[in-house]
Amino acid sequence: MAVRRLPSNLVPRACAGPVAVRSDPEAPRYWATVYSAQHWSGLSAKTIHEKLAAVDSFYRFASVFFGSDKLDQLIASLGMKELAIVIEAFFVAERNRAVQSGSDANQRWRTVRAFLFDTLGDIAASQHEKHEAVDLKAQVTRWELKYRNLSPNPAVKRVSVLRALPAQAIEEVYELFDPTSAKNPFRSEWLRRRNMCLLLCLLHQGLRRGEALLLPVDAVKMGTDDRTLRPRFWMNVTNLFEDEDPRFCDPPSLKNAQSVRQIPVSREVAKHIDVYVNHFRGKSPYPHLFLNSRRGPLGSRGVTDIFVRASRFLSEKARKTLTDNMRKPTISAHDLRHTCAVTRLAHFRAAGIGEEEAISKLRSFFGWSFKSEMPRLYARAYWEHHVETVWNDDFDAHIAALRSIAPSNLE
């Protein structure tokens, strides 16, 4: 059938979310549901939906060979002969589809492969007959060796470029988003103030686009530092609107369980947000920090449009610095997160923190899982750019550090 999202008012919240559903009779696909709960529970609903859609396509493909909804029975009964036929046929079909349509089938294949092999491995480990378990494990291992390096459409190797903005682009981004700048392309004062706060959340706080869109109007908290007795500011990155988010079209969500975190906020960033909330945001029935022109919650497409518009006003010099770094001559919300990560790593290193500890701190600050290798990409970018000026909690120091990322230093 398809992948459906169970509404939270019909099932317990812990059980709500995307589920692969069969037809005739309509019911969740058993092993897909078990596997999702065991392996994907920490992922966002959108990511789970994509992975379940791939697994569901495998279920539907198997029904062509063995009849409607027989895959669960084959897995439970360890029908290895039949499963060997269907997994090989599925791989060939995915390869043909990729060649004909030009689509990338690699991720879908990897998801299906992991689902089948992991599930069979778990069943093998629980077998009562030891010799049967050993035989099954051996067969699954042979399959893994056979299919591990196969790709439905091997991609041409591309140069991996970290999307950190060069100094010239950063200079112009600040000028374009400055509410008092004559070059600011946004027409009204409240739009300028909102967009400046959005820029700061992405570039200074390192938030993902979806995380910024989930901030409530009282996102910035204030307390007293016990050591210095001075005010300190922070924000909690979480999803308070999961059950009742009015953005039905592609609602924002947290990427994984590690995305829920608390991060410090500088005094100047807190001041910008406070001015926007108390003097420009206006009244709305929605408690979200960022609103659209109809005073509803700002959506992902709205954020994209903001940076598309700002990109049109970049100078030729700024565009050239972007293309010289093998980038598109535009800026995006995620570019700002990348740039923040490189700058914050520079801050950690300048403070005398070792690389491994700095990488661990990056994972915590940016909401990456403890196994994520993303921080190591930023470590590489840090050394390539030779960032000498770093930022701390001071707003001006952060700006200076961002501006010091010069493309001319690239090797």
Protein backbone atom coordinates (compact mmCIF):
# COMPACT_ATOMS: atom_id res chain seq x y z
CA MET A 1 0.00 0.00 0.00
CA ALA A 2 2.07 2.95 1.26
CA VAL A 3 3.67 4.61 4.26
CA ARG A 4 1.21 6.37 6.55
CA ARG A 5 1.69 8.51 9.63
CA LEU A 6 -0.47 7.40 12.52
CA PRO A 7 -2.16 10.39 14.20
CA SER A 8 -1.17 10.89 17.83
CA ASN A 9 -4.82 11.18 18.94
CA LEU A 10 -5.45 7.56 17.91
CA VAL A 11 -2.35 5.88 19.32
CA PRO A 12 0.07 6.60 22.18
CA ARG A 13 2.57 9.32 21.31
CA ALA A 14 5.46 6.84 21.50
CA CYS A 15 3.78 4.79 18.76
CA ALA A 16 2.80 7.71 16.55
CA GLY A 17 4.78 8.28 13.40
CA PRO A 18 5.34 6.80 9.93
CA VAL A 19 4.32 3.16 9.47
CA ALA A 20 4.53 0.95 6.38
CA VAL A 21 1.01 -0.39 5.83
CA ARG A 22 -0.12 -3.36 3.77
CA SER A 23 -3.52 -3.77 2.12
CA ASP A 24 -6.19 -6.43 2.27
CA PRO A 25 -6.49 -6.35 5.22
CA GLU A 26 -4.98 -2.99 6.09
CA ALA A 27 -2.34 -3.48 8.80
CA PRO A 28 1.27 -2.48 9.55
CA ARG A 29 3.96 -4.55 7.86
CA TYR A 30 5.34 -6.58 10.74
CA TRP A 31 9.10 -6.80 10.22
CA ALA A 32 9.32 -3.29 8.78
CA THR A 33 7.63 -1.94 11.91
CA VAL A 34 9.90 -3.95 14.21
CA TYR A 35 13.02 -2.83 12.36
CA SER A 36 11.93 0.82 12.36
CA ALA A 37 11.39 0.76 16.13
CA GLN A 38 14.76 -0.90 16.76
CA HIS A 39 16.99 1.03 14.36
CA TRP A 40 15.33 4.32 13.39
CA SER A 41 13.57 5.54 16.53
CA GLY A 42 16.06 8.40 16.98
CA LEU A 43 15.59 9.77 13.45
CA SER A 44 13.20 12.49 12.32
CA ALA A 45 9.75 11.53 11.03
CA LYS A 46 10.71 12.68 7.54
CA THR A 47 13.80 10.45 7.43
CA ILE A 48 11.86 7.46 8.79
CA HIS A 49 9.19 8.03 6.16
CA GLU A 50 11.81 7.97 3.37
CA LYS A 51 13.43 4.78 4.68
CA LEU A 52 10.10 3.01 5.17
CA ALA A 53 9.08 3.98 1.64
CA ALA A 54 12.15 2.15 0.35
CA VAL A 55 11.38 -0.93 2.45
CA ASP A 56 7.73 -0.81 1.38
CA SER A 57 8.82 -0.87 -2.27
CA PHE A 58 10.72 -4.08 -1.49
CA TYR A 59 7.58 -5.60 0.05
CA ARG A 60 5.57 -4.72 -3.06
CA PHE A 61 8.30 -6.09 -5.33
CA ALA A 62 8.31 -9.40 -3.42
CA SER A 63 4.54 -9.71 -3.85
CA VAL A 64 5.06 -9.97 -7.62
CA PHE A 65 7.02 -13.19 -7.07
CA PHE A 66 5.23 -14.86 -4.19
CA GLY A 67 1.80 -13.27 -3.93
CA SER A 68 0.39 -10.43 -1.91
CA ASP A 69 2.16 -9.59 1.36
CA LYS A 70 4.21 -12.80 1.65
CA LEU A 71 7.55 -11.21 2.55
CA ASP A 72 6.84 -11.14 6.30
CA GLN A 73 6.04 -14.83 6.21
CA LEU A 74 9.21 -15.64 4.27
CA ILE A 75 11.36 -13.72 6.75
CA ALA A 76 9.68 -15.33 9.76
CA SER A 77 9.99 -18.83 8.30
CA LEU A 78 13.57 -18.17 7.11
CA GLY A 79 12.75 -18.97 3.48
CA MET A 80 16.33 -18.30 2.40
CA LYS A 81 15.96 -19.75 -1.10
CA GLU A 82 13.02 -17.51 -1.94
CA LEU A 83 14.61 -14.48 -0.27
CA ALA A 84 17.81 -14.97 -2.26
CA ILE A 85 15.76 -14.84 -5.48
CA VAL A 86 13.84 -11.70 -4.55
CA ILE A 87 16.82 -9.69 -3.22
CA GLU A 88 18.84 -10.38 -6.38
CA ALA A 89 15.88 -9.55 -8.63
CA PHE A 90 15.25 -6.35 -6.65
CA PHE A 91 18.85 -5.24 -7.14
CA VAL A 92 18.63 -5.80 -10.91
CA ALA A 93 15.31 -3.94 -11.06
CA GLU A 94 16.74 -0.99 -9.14
CA ARG A 95 19.72 -0.87 -11.47
CA ASN A 96 17.46 -0.83 -14.54
CA ARG A 97 15.28 1.87 -13.01
CA ALA A 98 18.31 4.02 -12.23
CA VAL A 99 19.64 3.69 -15.79
CA GLN A 100 16.31 4.52 -17.40
CA SER A 101 15.32 7.42 -15.18
CA GLY A 102 18.74 8.76 -14.23
CA SER A 103 17.71 8.70 -10.58
CA ASP A 104 19.96 7.81 -7.65
CA ALA A 105 18.89 4.40 -6.32
CA ASN A 106 21.86 3.86 -4.03
CA GLN A 107 20.25 5.04 -0.81
CA ARG A 108 17.08 3.04 -1.42
CA TRP A 109 19.14 -0.09 -2.10
CA ARG A 110 21.29 0.38 1.00
CA THR A 111 18.19 0.82 3.15
CA VAL A 112 16.54 -2.36 1.83
CA ARG A 113 19.77 -4.35 2.10
CA ALA A 114 20.32 -3.30 5.71
CA PHE A 115 16.68 -4.05 6.60
CA LEU A 116 16.76 -7.59 5.23
CA PHE A 117 20.23 -8.60 6.39
CA ASP A 118 19.92 -7.08 9.88
CA THR A 119 16.51 -8.66 10.41
CA LEU A 120 17.70 -12.10 9.31
CA GLY A 121 20.80 -11.70 11.48
CA ASP A 122 18.65 -10.92 14.51
CA ILE A 123 16.48 -13.96 13.85
CA ALA A 124 19.55 -16.14 13.43
CA ALA A 125 20.91 -14.98 16.78
CA SER A 126 17.68 -16.00 18.50
CA GLN A 127 17.41 -19.51 17.03
CA HIS A 128 17.11 -22.34 19.55
CA GLU A 129 18.89 -24.88 17.37
CA LYS A 130 22.54 -23.87 17.44
CA HIS A 131 23.51 -25.53 14.16
CA GLU A 132 20.61 -23.84 12.34
CA ALA A 133 21.65 -20.48 13.73
CA VAL A 134 25.24 -21.01 12.56
CA ASP A 135 24.11 -22.03 9.07
CA LEU A 136 21.78 -19.04 8.79
CA LYS A 137 24.45 -16.60 9.96
CA ALA A 138 26.88 -18.03 7.44
CA GLN A 139 24.38 -17.63 4.61
CA VAL A 140 23.59 -14.04 5.59
CA THR A 141 27.32 -13.30 5.75
CA ARG A 142 27.77 -14.66 2.22
CA TRP A 143 24.95 -12.39 1.02
CA GLU A 144 26.52 -9.41 2.72
CA LEU A 145 29.88 -10.08 1.06
CA LYS A 146 28.19 -10.49 -2.30
CA TYR A 147 26.10 -7.31 -2.18
CA ARG A 148 28.22 -5.05 0.02
CA ASN A 149 30.07 -3.32 -2.80
CA LEU A 150 27.36 -3.47 -5.45
CA SER A 151 25.67 -0.22 -6.42
CA PRO A 152 22.54 0.14 -8.58
CA ASN A 153 24.07 3.20 -10.26
CA PRO A 154 27.67 3.88 -9.31
CA ALA A 155 28.02 7.64 -9.01
CA VAL A 156 30.84 9.55 -10.64
CA LYS A 157 33.22 10.71 -7.95
CA ARG A 158 32.80 14.39 -7.20
CA VAL A 159 35.01 16.83 -5.37
CA SER A 160 33.61 17.24 -1.87
CA VAL A 161 33.46 20.94 -1.02
CA LEU A 162 32.47 22.11 2.42
CA ARG A 163 30.00 24.94 2.08
CA ALA A 164 31.66 27.54 4.31
CA LEU A 165 31.15 31.05 2.99
CA PRO A 166 34.27 33.03 1.99
CA ALA A 167 35.05 36.38 3.62
CA GLN A 168 33.72 38.58 0.80
CA ALA A 169 30.37 36.77 0.81
CA ILE A 170 30.08 37.07 4.60
CA GLU A 171 30.76 40.82 4.45
CA GLU A 172 27.93 41.30 1.97
CA VAL A 173 25.54 38.97 3.79
CA TYR A 174 25.83 41.10 6.93
CA GLU A 175 25.26 44.26 4.90
CA LEU A 176 22.26 42.84 3.03
CA PHE A 177 20.60 41.67 6.27
CA ASP A 178 21.46 44.74 8.39
CA PRO A 179 18.06 46.36 9.14
CA THR A 180 19.59 49.85 8.83
CA SER A 181 21.51 49.19 5.60
CA ALA A 182 20.53 50.98 2.40
CA LYS A 183 21.33 47.76 0.52
CA ASN A 184 18.82 45.67 2.51
CA PRO A 185 16.47 44.24 -0.18
CA PHE A 186 13.52 43.50 2.13
CA ARG A 187 10.74 46.04 1.93
CA SER A 188 9.35 46.48 5.46
CA GLU A 189 10.98 47.12 8.81
CA TRP A 190 9.50 44.03 10.46
CA LEU A 191 10.74 41.81 7.61
CA ARG A 192 14.22 43.26 7.99
CA ARG A 193 14.22 42.67 11.74
CA ARG A 194 12.86 39.14 11.39
CA ASN A 195 15.36 38.21 8.69
CA MET A 196 18.27 39.60 10.71
CA CYS A 197 17.27 37.45 13.69
CA LEU A 198 16.94 34.44 11.39
CA LEU A 199 20.42 35.09 10.01
CA LEU A 200 21.87 35.28 13.52
CA CYS A 201 20.20 32.00 14.55
CA LEU A 202 21.72 30.26 11.54
CA LEU A 203 25.15 31.93 11.39
CA HIS A 204 25.89 32.52 15.09
CA GLN A 205 23.90 29.71 16.72
CA GLY A 206 24.53 27.14 13.98
CA LEU A 207 20.89 26.03 13.83
CA ARG A 208 19.49 23.96 11.02
CA ARG A 209 16.68 25.61 9.09
CA GLY A 210 14.05 23.34 10.67
CA GLU A 211 15.42 23.98 14.16
CA ALA A 212 15.16 27.75 13.70
CA LEU A 213 11.57 27.42 12.49
CA LEU A 214 10.67 25.46 15.64
CA LEU A 215 11.84 28.20 18.02
CA PRO A 216 9.05 29.65 20.21
CA VAL A 217 8.67 33.38 20.76
CA ASP A 218 10.37 33.05 24.17
CA ALA A 219 13.25 31.01 22.73
CA VAL A 220 15.99 33.03 24.45
CA LYS A 221 16.24 32.35 28.18
CA MET A 222 18.15 34.46 30.73
CA GLY A 223 19.78 33.51 34.01
CA THR A 224 22.74 34.40 36.20
CA ASP A 225 26.16 32.82 35.84
CA ASP A 226 27.04 31.37 39.26
CA ARG A 227 30.75 31.99 38.71
CA THR A 228 30.72 35.57 37.42
CA LEU A 229 27.28 36.67 38.70
CA ARG A 230 26.69 38.19 35.29
CA PRO A 231 23.61 37.57 33.11
CA ARG A 232 23.87 34.69 30.69
CA PHE A 233 21.60 33.75 27.81
CA TRP A 234 20.78 30.45 26.15
CA MET A 235 18.18 28.77 23.95
CA ASN A 236 16.68 25.28 24.05
CA VAL A 237 16.53 23.52 20.69
CA THR A 238 13.47 21.29 20.82
CA ASN A 239 10.10 20.74 19.13
CA LEU A 240 7.20 22.10 21.15
CA PHE A 241 4.79 21.99 18.21
CA GLU A 242 5.04 18.35 17.13
CA ASP A 243 1.41 17.49 17.88
CA GLU A 244 -0.22 20.64 16.50
CA ASP A 245 1.95 22.24 13.84
CA PRO A 246 -0.19 24.24 11.39
CA ARG A 247 2.41 23.92 8.62
CA PHE A 248 0.84 20.93 6.86
CA CYS A 249 3.13 21.20 3.83
CA ASP A 250 6.62 19.92 4.78
CA PRO A 251 6.50 20.88 8.48
CA PRO A 252 9.94 21.36 10.08
CA SER A 253 11.23 18.70 12.43
CA LEU A 254 14.32 17.81 14.41
CA LYS A 255 16.76 15.60 12.52
CA ASN A 256 17.52 13.15 15.33
CA ALA A 257 17.39 12.66 19.09
CA GLN A 258 20.73 14.46 19.51
CA SER A 259 19.20 17.60 17.99
CA VAL A 260 17.44 18.32 21.31
CA ARG A 261 20.03 20.44 23.10
CA GLN A 262 20.77 23.67 24.96
CA ILE A 263 23.21 26.17 23.46
CA PRO A 264 24.59 29.52 24.70
CA VAL A 265 23.50 32.82 23.15
CA SER A 266 25.63 35.96 23.08
CA ARG A 267 24.29 39.20 24.59
CA GLU A 268 24.09 40.91 21.19
CA VAL A 269 22.15 38.06 19.55
CA ALA A 270 19.77 38.02 22.53
CA LYS A 271 19.34 41.80 22.16
CA HIS A 272 18.45 41.56 18.46
CA ILE A 273 15.84 38.88 19.15
CA ASP A 274 14.40 40.84 22.09
CA VAL A 275 13.97 43.99 19.96
CA TYR A 276 12.31 41.99 17.20
CA VAL A 277 9.90 40.20 19.57
CA ASN A 278 8.87 43.26 21.58
CA HIS A 279 8.76 45.92 18.87
CA PHE A 280 8.36 44.34 15.43
CA ARG A 281 7.02 40.78 15.50
CA GLY A 282 3.48 41.89 16.32
CA LYS A 283 0.55 39.86 17.61
CA SER A 284 -0.21 36.39 16.35
CA PRO A 285 -2.30 33.42 17.52
CA TYR A 286 0.80 31.29 16.98
CA PRO A 287 3.65 31.10 19.53
CA HIS A 288 6.40 30.67 16.91
CA LEU A 289 9.29 33.12 16.85
CA PHE A 290 9.44 33.52 13.08
CA LEU A 291 6.21 34.43 11.28
CA ASN A 292 5.31 34.91 7.63
CA SER A 293 3.51 37.90 6.11
CA ARG A 294 0.11 36.42 7.10
CA ARG A 295 1.27 36.19 10.73
CA GLY A 296 1.38 32.42 10.58
CA PRO A 297 4.47 30.29 11.28
CA LEU A 298 7.21 30.78 8.68
CA GLY A 299 7.80 27.65 6.59
CA SER A 300 10.86 26.04 5.02
CA ARG A 301 10.03 27.40 1.59
CA GLY A 302 9.81 30.90 3.04
CA VAL A 303 13.35 30.61 4.41
CA THR A 304 14.58 29.44 1.02
CA ASP A 305 12.92 32.44 -0.65
CA ILE A 306 14.66 34.84 1.76
CA PHE A 307 18.11 33.64 0.76
CA VAL A 308 17.21 33.38 -2.92
CA ARG A 309 16.26 37.06 -2.83
CA ALA A 310 19.38 38.07 -0.90
CA SER A 311 21.57 36.13 -3.35
CA ARG A 312 20.30 38.25 -6.22
CA PHE A 313 21.90 41.31 -4.64
CA LEU A 314 25.37 39.83 -4.19
CA SER A 315 28.07 41.73 -6.07
CA GLU A 316 30.01 40.20 -8.94
CA LYS A 317 33.05 40.10 -6.68
CA ALA A 318 31.19 38.05 -4.06
CA ARG A 319 29.81 35.72 -6.71
CA LYS A 320 33.30 35.19 -8.07
CA THR A 321 34.66 34.25 -4.63
CA LEU A 322 31.89 31.66 -4.39
CA THR A 323 32.48 30.15 -7.83
CA ASP A 324 36.26 30.21 -7.26
CA ASN A 325 35.61 27.89 -4.31
CA MET A 326 33.68 25.43 -6.53
CA ARG A 327 30.32 26.60 -5.19
CA LYS A 328 27.16 27.96 -6.71
CA PRO A 329 27.11 31.79 -6.79
CA THR A 330 24.33 31.84 -4.20
CA ILE A 331 23.92 31.43 -0.44
CA SER A 332 21.59 29.12 1.47
CA ALA A 333 20.50 28.66 5.07
CA HIS A 334 22.68 25.58 5.49
CA ASP A 335 25.75 27.44 4.23
CA LEU A 336 25.50 29.57 7.36
CA ARG A 337 25.48 26.51 9.63
CA HIS A 338 28.60 25.18 7.90
CA THR A 339 30.33 28.52 8.31
CA CYS A 340 29.41 28.67 12.00
CA ALA A 341 30.86 25.19 12.54
CA VAL A 342 34.24 26.12 11.02
CA THR A 343 34.37 29.30 13.10
CA ARG A 344 33.42 27.61 16.36
CA LEU A 345 36.08 24.95 15.79
CA ALA A 346 38.59 27.77 15.36
CA HIS A 347 37.45 29.17 18.71
CA PHE A 348 37.97 25.82 20.44
CA ARG A 349 41.41 25.32 18.93
CA ALA A 350 42.55 28.84 19.81
CA ALA A 351 41.42 28.22 23.39
CA GLY A 352 43.91 25.36 23.59
CA ILE A 353 41.35 22.54 23.27
CA GLY A 354 42.69 19.41 21.56
CA GLU A 355 41.19 18.31 18.26
CA GLU A 356 39.40 15.23 19.61
CA GLU A 357 37.83 17.18 22.48
CA ALA A 358 36.93 20.01 20.11
CA ILE A 359 35.21 17.54 17.77
CA SER A 360 33.25 16.14 20.72
CA LYS A 361 32.14 19.66 21.66
CA LEU A 362 31.08 20.32 18.06
CA ARG A 363 28.85 17.23 18.12
CA SER A 364 27.14 18.52 21.26
CA PHE A 365 26.74 22.11 20.06
CA PHE A 366 25.44 21.31 16.58
CA GLY A 367 23.29 18.30 17.48
CA TRP A 368 25.22 15.57 15.67
CA SER A 369 25.16 11.96 16.87
CA PHE A 370 28.18 10.73 18.82
CA LYS A 371 29.18 8.60 15.81
CA SER A 372 28.89 11.41 13.26
CA GLU A 373 31.98 12.14 11.19
CA MET A 374 30.72 15.61 10.17
CA PRO A 375 32.97 17.44 12.69
CA ARG A 376 36.03 15.92 11.04
CA LEU A 377 35.05 17.55 7.76
CA TYR A 378 35.02 20.88 9.55
CA ALA A 379 38.39 20.12 11.10
CA ARG A 380 39.72 19.68 7.57
CA ALA A 381 38.11 22.95 6.48
CA TYR A 382 39.58 24.72 9.49
CA TRP A 383 43.12 23.71 8.60
CA GLU A 384 42.63 24.45 4.91
CA HIS A 385 41.40 27.97 5.60
CA HIS A 386 44.01 28.74 8.30
CA VAL A 387 41.55 30.73 10.37
CA GLU A 388 43.64 32.83 12.76
CA THR A 389 40.96 34.97 14.40
CA VAL A 390 38.38 33.16 16.51
CA TRP A 391 35.20 34.08 18.26
CA ASN A 392 33.92 33.64 21.76
CA ASP A 393 30.68 34.87 23.24
CA ASP A 394 31.40 38.39 22.00
CA PHE A 395 29.28 39.36 19.00
CA ASP A 396 31.87 41.58 17.30
CA ALA A 397 34.60 38.98 17.76
CA HIS A 398 32.40 36.41 16.04
CA ILE A 399 31.84 38.71 13.07
CA ALA A 400 35.57 39.37 12.81
CA ALA A 401 36.28 35.64 12.85
CA LEU A 402 33.72 34.94 10.17
CA ARG A 403 35.20 37.63 7.96
CA SER A 404 38.67 36.14 8.33
CA ILE A 405 37.75 32.99 6.37
CA ALA A 406 39.53 34.06 3.21
CA PRO A 407 39.33 31.88 0.08
CA SER A 408 42.84 32.96 -0.94
CA ASN A 409 44.20 30.74 1.85
CA LEU A 410 42.82 27.58 0.31
CA GLU A 411 45.46 25.15 -0.80
